[in-house]
N, C-alpha and C. Protein backbone atom coordinates (compact mmCIF):
# COMPACT_ATOMS: atom_id res chain seq x y z
N UNK A 1 -14.21 -63.00 14.15
CA UNK A 1 -12.87 -62.64 13.27
C UNK A 1 -11.63 -63.67 12.99
N UNK A 2 -12.01 -64.68 13.98
CA UNK A 2 -10.90 -65.52 13.62
C UNK A 2 -11.18 -66.41 12.76
N UNK A 3 -12.57 -66.75 12.37
CA UNK A 3 -13.13 -67.69 11.70
C UNK A 3 -13.06 -67.02 10.39
N UNK A 4 -13.48 -65.74 10.18
CA UNK A 4 -13.38 -64.81 8.84
C UNK A 4 -11.79 -65.23 8.42
N UNK A 5 -10.95 -64.82 9.34
CA UNK A 5 -9.42 -64.52 8.78
C UNK A 5 -8.71 -66.16 8.38
N UNK A 6 -9.31 -66.82 9.10
CA UNK A 6 -9.04 -68.43 8.72
C UNK A 6 -9.46 -68.85 7.40
N UNK A 7 -10.83 -68.36 7.11
CA UNK A 7 -11.16 -68.97 5.99
C UNK A 7 -10.58 -68.09 4.75
N UNK A 8 -10.29 -66.79 4.99
CA UNK A 8 -9.59 -66.23 3.84
C UNK A 8 -8.46 -66.87 3.54
N UNK A 9 -7.56 -66.92 4.76
CA UNK A 9 -6.33 -67.52 4.61
C UNK A 9 -6.28 -69.02 4.07
N UNK A 10 -7.32 -69.64 4.20
CA UNK A 10 -7.44 -70.95 3.74
C UNK A 10 -8.12 -70.84 2.31
N UNK A 11 -8.76 -69.70 1.79
CA UNK A 11 -9.31 -69.93 0.50
C UNK A 11 -8.23 -69.15 -0.40
N UNK A 12 -7.26 -68.50 0.02
CA UNK A 12 -6.10 -67.86 -0.63
C UNK A 12 -5.13 -68.76 -0.80
N UNK A 13 -4.88 -69.93 0.16
CA UNK A 13 -3.90 -70.98 -0.09
C UNK A 13 -2.81 -70.74 0.75
N UNK A 14 -2.89 -70.05 2.23
CA UNK A 14 -1.67 -69.77 2.96
C UNK A 14 -1.48 -70.76 3.42
N UNK A 15 -1.83 -72.11 3.67
CA UNK A 15 -1.62 -73.21 4.44
C UNK A 15 -0.88 -74.16 3.35
N UNK A 16 -0.79 -73.84 2.02
CA UNK A 16 -0.04 -74.50 1.33
C UNK A 16 0.84 -73.83 0.18
N UNK A 17 1.40 -72.55 0.85
CA UNK A 17 2.04 -71.50 -0.03
C UNK A 17 3.68 -72.40 0.07
N UNK A 18 4.41 -72.06 -1.23
CA UNK A 18 5.50 -72.47 -1.49
C UNK A 18 6.57 -71.78 -0.53
N UNK A 19 6.28 -70.27 -0.55
CA UNK A 19 7.29 -69.55 0.25
C UNK A 19 7.11 -68.98 1.33
N UNK A 20 7.76 -68.27 1.80
CA UNK A 20 7.47 -67.75 3.57
C UNK A 20 6.80 -66.17 3.13
N UNK A 21 7.09 -65.60 1.69
CA UNK A 21 6.61 -64.48 1.07
C UNK A 21 5.24 -64.68 0.98
N UNK A 22 5.03 -65.72 0.35
CA UNK A 22 3.46 -66.07 -0.13
C UNK A 22 2.71 -66.05 0.82
N UNK A 23 3.46 -66.90 1.79
CA UNK A 23 2.42 -67.23 3.12
C UNK A 23 2.11 -65.98 3.79
N UNK A 24 3.12 -64.95 3.84
CA UNK A 24 3.27 -63.77 4.65
C UNK A 24 1.66 -63.32 3.69
N UNK A 25 1.87 -62.67 2.80
CA UNK A 25 1.00 -62.03 2.06
C UNK A 25 -0.40 -62.71 2.17
N UNK A 26 -0.62 -63.95 2.15
CA UNK A 26 -1.85 -64.19 2.21
C UNK A 26 -2.50 -64.24 3.52
N UNK A 27 -1.51 -64.47 4.61
CA UNK A 27 -1.92 -64.18 6.29
C UNK A 27 -2.04 -62.90 6.36
N UNK A 28 -1.34 -62.12 5.75
CA UNK A 28 -1.73 -60.55 5.79
C UNK A 28 -3.18 -60.19 5.04
N UNK A 29 -3.66 -60.69 4.18
CA UNK A 29 -5.13 -60.90 3.39
C UNK A 29 -6.20 -61.01 4.47
N UNK A 30 -5.68 -62.35 5.43
CA UNK A 30 -6.81 -62.89 5.93
C UNK A 30 -7.02 -61.73 7.41
N UNK A 31 -6.11 -61.52 7.71
CA UNK A 31 -6.36 -60.27 9.03
C UNK A 31 -7.07 -59.28 8.51
N UNK A 32 -6.64 -58.87 7.72
CA UNK A 32 -6.85 -57.29 7.20
C UNK A 32 -8.56 -57.55 6.55
N UNK A 33 -9.07 -58.55 6.05
CA UNK A 33 -10.14 -58.47 5.60
C UNK A 33 -10.96 -58.78 6.75
N UNK A 34 -10.87 -59.62 7.83
CA UNK A 34 -11.46 -59.70 9.00
C UNK A 34 -11.64 -58.42 9.58
N UNK A 35 -10.58 -57.77 9.69
CA UNK A 35 -10.46 -56.53 10.58
C UNK A 35 -11.37 -55.34 9.80
N UNK A 36 -11.56 -55.29 8.81
CA UNK A 36 -12.43 -54.24 8.18
C UNK A 36 -13.95 -55.08 8.03
N UNK A 37 -14.08 -56.38 7.96
CA UNK A 37 -15.34 -56.85 8.05
C UNK A 37 -16.14 -56.50 9.74
N UNK A 38 -14.94 -56.65 10.66
CA UNK A 38 -15.39 -56.34 11.98
C UNK A 38 -15.55 -54.62 12.07
N UNK A 39 -14.50 -53.94 11.46
CA UNK A 39 -15.03 -52.51 11.69
C UNK A 39 -16.17 -52.20 11.16
N UNK A 40 -16.34 -52.68 9.87
CA UNK A 40 -17.65 -52.02 9.53
C UNK A 40 -19.11 -52.83 10.03
N UNK A 41 -18.62 -53.77 10.86
CA UNK A 41 -20.09 -54.32 11.71
C UNK A 41 -20.13 -53.52 13.05
N UNK A 42 -19.12 -53.16 13.03
CA UNK A 42 -18.74 -51.89 14.59
C UNK A 42 -19.74 -50.72 13.85
N UNK A 43 -19.14 -50.09 12.99
CA UNK A 43 -19.94 -48.77 12.29
C UNK A 43 -21.42 -48.94 12.33
N UNK A 44 -21.81 -50.06 11.86
CA UNK A 44 -23.35 -50.27 11.45
C UNK A 44 -24.04 -50.30 12.95
N UNK A 45 -23.29 -50.93 13.71
CA UNK A 45 -24.35 -51.36 15.12
C UNK A 45 -23.94 -49.88 16.14
N UNK A 46 -22.95 -48.81 15.67
CA UNK A 46 -23.30 -47.69 16.18
C UNK A 46 -24.27 -46.82 15.61
N UNK A 47 -23.82 -47.08 14.45
CA UNK A 47 -25.38 -46.12 13.59
C UNK A 47 -26.74 -46.86 13.97
N UNK A 48 -26.90 -47.77 14.36
CA UNK A 48 -27.87 -48.59 14.89
C UNK A 48 -28.83 -48.02 16.06
N UNK A 49 -27.16 -48.06 17.04
CA UNK A 49 -27.61 -47.31 18.17
C UNK A 49 -28.04 -46.14 18.55
N UNK A 50 -27.39 -45.25 17.40
CA UNK A 50 -28.07 -43.51 17.54
C UNK A 50 -29.17 -43.68 16.98
N UNK A 51 -29.82 -44.67 16.36
CA UNK A 51 -31.37 -44.35 15.76
C UNK A 51 -31.61 -44.22 14.31
N UNK A 52 -30.36 -44.52 13.30
CA UNK A 52 -30.54 -44.39 12.36
C UNK A 52 -31.39 -45.07 11.61
N UNK A 53 -31.65 -46.34 12.20
CA UNK A 53 -32.66 -47.59 11.54
C UNK A 53 -33.74 -47.43 12.31
N UNK A 54 -33.95 -46.60 13.26
CA UNK A 54 -35.38 -47.07 14.17
C UNK A 54 -36.64 -46.65 13.37
N UNK A 55 -36.81 -45.70 12.27
CA UNK A 55 -37.56 -45.34 11.63
C UNK A 55 -38.13 -46.66 10.74
N UNK A 56 -36.95 -47.06 10.19
CA UNK A 56 -37.22 -48.33 9.09
C UNK A 56 -37.58 -49.51 10.03
N UNK A 57 -37.42 -49.99 10.95
CA UNK A 57 -37.54 -50.99 11.99
C UNK A 57 -39.00 -50.81 12.37
N UNK A 58 -39.14 -49.44 12.83
CA UNK A 58 -40.46 -49.47 13.60
C UNK A 58 -41.68 -49.74 12.55
N UNK A 59 -41.44 -49.06 11.03
CA UNK A 59 -42.46 -49.12 10.01
C UNK A 59 -42.74 -50.74 9.71
N UNK A 60 -41.68 -51.60 9.83
CA UNK A 60 -41.72 -53.11 9.17
C UNK A 60 -42.49 -53.91 10.51
N UNK A 61 -42.29 -53.14 11.46
CA UNK A 61 -43.06 -53.67 12.73
C UNK A 61 -44.25 -53.84 12.82
N UNK A 62 -44.58 -52.09 12.54
CA UNK A 62 -46.11 -51.84 12.52
C UNK A 62 -46.53 -52.58 11.50
N UNK A 63 -46.12 -52.76 10.07
CA UNK A 63 -46.65 -53.45 9.19
C UNK A 63 -46.92 -54.93 9.36
N UNK A 64 -46.26 -55.53 9.93
CA UNK A 64 -46.29 -57.05 10.41
C UNK A 64 -47.25 -56.94 11.42
N UNK A 65 -47.31 -56.17 12.24
CA UNK A 65 -48.67 -55.85 13.19
C UNK A 65 -50.03 -55.97 12.88
N UNK A 66 -49.93 -55.06 11.59
CA UNK A 66 -51.15 -54.92 11.31
C UNK A 66 -51.86 -56.29 10.32
N UNK A 67 -50.95 -56.85 10.06
CA UNK A 67 -51.48 -58.37 9.66
C UNK A 67 -51.69 -59.57 10.44
N UNK A 68 -51.03 -59.30 11.74
CA UNK A 68 -50.80 -60.51 12.71
C UNK A 68 -51.66 -60.14 13.92
N UNK A 69 -51.79 -58.88 14.41
CA UNK A 69 -52.34 -58.57 15.96
C UNK A 69 -53.71 -58.32 15.58
N UNK A 70 -54.76 -59.20 16.14
CA UNK A 70 -56.14 -58.66 15.79
C UNK A 70 -56.84 -57.69 16.85
N UNK A 71 -56.10 -57.47 18.29
CA UNK A 71 -56.40 -56.63 19.02
C UNK A 71 -55.82 -55.34 18.90
N UNK A 72 -56.49 -54.18 18.71
CA UNK A 72 -56.25 -53.08 18.22
C UNK A 72 -55.57 -52.11 19.40
N UNK A 73 -55.64 -52.49 20.60
CA UNK A 73 -55.14 -51.96 21.62
C UNK A 73 -53.68 -52.56 21.78
N UNK A 74 -53.20 -53.29 21.22
CA UNK A 74 -51.81 -54.02 21.09
C UNK A 74 -51.10 -53.13 20.07
N UNK A 75 -51.57 -52.26 18.74
CA UNK A 75 -51.23 -51.91 18.10
C UNK A 75 -50.62 -50.34 18.48
N UNK A 76 -51.06 -50.04 19.50
CA UNK A 76 -51.07 -48.38 19.88
C UNK A 76 -49.52 -48.25 20.62
N UNK A 77 -48.53 -48.60 19.98
CA UNK A 77 -47.35 -48.41 20.17
C UNK A 77 -46.95 -47.03 19.42
N UNK A 78 -46.29 -45.79 20.08
CA UNK A 78 -46.29 -44.82 18.97
C UNK A 78 -44.78 -44.72 18.80
N UNK A 79 -44.19 -44.07 17.79
CA UNK A 79 -42.95 -44.10 17.48
C UNK A 79 -42.02 -43.37 18.21
N UNK A 80 -42.42 -42.84 18.87
CA UNK A 80 -41.68 -41.86 20.39
C UNK A 80 -41.73 -43.11 21.36
N UNK A 81 -42.66 -43.76 21.60
CA UNK A 81 -42.17 -44.81 22.85
C UNK A 81 -41.34 -45.82 22.12
N UNK A 82 -41.53 -46.47 21.04
CA UNK A 82 -40.68 -47.18 20.40
C UNK A 82 -39.23 -46.59 20.40
N UNK A 83 -39.00 -45.59 20.09
CA UNK A 83 -37.61 -44.85 19.99
C UNK A 83 -37.11 -45.00 21.12
N UNK A 84 -37.83 -44.44 22.56
CA UNK A 84 -37.34 -44.40 23.68
C UNK A 84 -37.04 -45.90 24.28
N UNK A 85 -37.79 -46.80 24.06
CA UNK A 85 -37.41 -48.09 24.48
C UNK A 85 -35.97 -48.49 23.63
N UNK A 86 -36.30 -48.35 22.24
CA UNK A 86 -34.93 -48.82 21.79
C UNK A 86 -33.30 -47.82 22.47
N UNK A 87 -33.77 -46.65 22.69
CA UNK A 87 -32.52 -45.78 23.42
C UNK A 87 -32.14 -46.27 24.50
N UNK A 88 -33.25 -47.09 25.53
CA UNK A 88 -32.69 -47.47 26.69
C UNK A 88 -32.00 -48.75 26.59
N UNK A 89 -32.09 -49.42 25.36
CA UNK A 89 -31.31 -50.72 25.28
C UNK A 89 -30.14 -50.60 24.28
N UNK A 90 -29.36 -49.61 24.33
CA UNK A 90 -28.32 -49.49 23.35
C UNK A 90 -26.97 -50.74 23.65
N UNK A 91 -26.31 -51.06 22.71
CA UNK A 91 -25.71 -52.42 22.70
C UNK A 91 -24.22 -51.79 22.81
N UNK A 92 -23.34 -52.30 23.51
CA UNK A 92 -21.72 -51.64 23.39
C UNK A 92 -21.17 -52.26 22.21
N UNK A 93 -20.56 -51.20 21.27
CA UNK A 93 -19.87 -51.82 20.21
C UNK A 93 -18.31 -51.36 20.13
N UNK A 94 -17.87 -50.65 21.18
CA UNK A 94 -16.29 -50.32 21.37
C UNK A 94 -15.55 -51.88 21.08
N UNK A 95 -16.02 -52.64 21.72
CA UNK A 95 -14.93 -53.95 21.63
C UNK A 95 -14.98 -54.35 20.34
N UNK A 96 -16.09 -54.26 19.55
CA UNK A 96 -15.98 -54.79 18.13
C UNK A 96 -15.15 -54.19 17.34
N UNK A 97 -14.95 -52.65 17.74
CA UNK A 97 -14.19 -51.98 16.77
C UNK A 97 -12.70 -52.27 17.30
N UNK A 98 -12.44 -52.25 18.34
CA UNK A 98 -11.19 -52.58 18.95
C UNK A 98 -10.64 -54.01 18.41
N UNK A 99 -11.40 -54.88 18.34
CA UNK A 99 -11.11 -56.22 17.93
C UNK A 99 -10.82 -56.00 16.34
N UNK A 100 -11.56 -55.25 15.75
CA UNK A 100 -11.27 -55.12 14.39
C UNK A 100 -9.86 -54.44 13.91
N UNK A 101 -9.90 -53.41 15.06
CA UNK A 101 -8.86 -52.75 14.65
C UNK A 101 -7.26 -53.72 14.78
N UNK A 102 -7.17 -54.42 15.91
CA UNK A 102 -6.43 -55.64 16.04
C UNK A 102 -5.99 -56.18 15.19
N UNK A 103 -7.19 -56.83 14.53
CA UNK A 103 -6.85 -57.58 13.10
C UNK A 103 -6.20 -56.80 12.10
N UNK A 104 -6.66 -55.42 11.84
CA UNK A 104 -6.13 -54.58 10.93
C UNK A 104 -4.52 -54.35 11.30
N UNK A 105 -4.38 -54.26 12.23
CA UNK A 105 -2.66 -53.99 12.76
C UNK A 105 -1.98 -55.15 12.47
N UNK A 106 -2.77 -56.39 12.89
CA UNK A 106 -1.99 -57.87 12.50
C UNK A 106 -1.73 -57.92 10.93
N UNK A 107 -2.74 -57.41 10.30
CA UNK A 107 -2.53 -57.34 8.90
C UNK A 107 -1.32 -56.71 8.49
N UNK A 108 -1.21 -55.52 8.85
CA UNK A 108 -0.30 -54.70 8.65
C UNK A 108 1.10 -55.14 9.23
N UNK A 109 1.19 -55.91 10.13
CA UNK A 109 2.36 -56.53 10.84
C UNK A 109 2.69 -57.60 9.37
N UNK A 110 1.76 -58.45 9.15
CA UNK A 110 2.31 -59.38 8.32
C UNK A 110 2.76 -58.93 6.96
N UNK A 111 1.88 -57.47 6.38
CA UNK A 111 2.22 -56.85 5.14
C UNK A 111 3.83 -56.83 5.20
N UNK A 112 4.17 -56.00 6.62
CA UNK A 112 5.43 -55.51 6.61
C UNK A 112 6.43 -56.91 6.62
N UNK A 113 5.83 -57.55 7.13
CA UNK A 113 7.06 -58.90 6.96
C UNK A 113 6.94 -59.65 5.64
N UNK A 114 5.94 -59.34 4.87
CA UNK A 114 5.63 -59.68 3.52
C UNK A 114 6.87 -58.89 2.55
N UNK A 115 7.06 -57.68 3.07
CA UNK A 115 8.06 -56.94 2.34
C UNK A 115 9.42 -56.93 2.73
N UNK A 116 9.42 -57.57 3.97
CA UNK A 116 10.88 -57.57 4.65
C UNK A 116 11.33 -59.17 4.11
N UNK A 117 10.67 -60.21 3.61
CA UNK A 117 11.34 -61.31 3.44
C UNK A 117 11.61 -61.13 1.96
């Protein structure tokens, strides 16, 4: 998040801004963009944890196996077994959402400072 934020700030010219108001605008943009990217990633990770992409990934995995695995006994994994294995290995996503929310709040704070200056 910090890297995205700094890259956006640098790309917008926050470090060479002529006025404080201009700098606050660019800093706000950097934090907001990073927050939205992190929140979007958290949303996609949550959807992935809930099984939204399981059928797609299973199909791709089976397609690759059909060309690479010669032993038919290794290809016998059913979608039910694959889904159970994926459900057991859920990854936490709340910390990504909270971090993204903090970046969005920081962007809002600097937006308020932009209008106050």
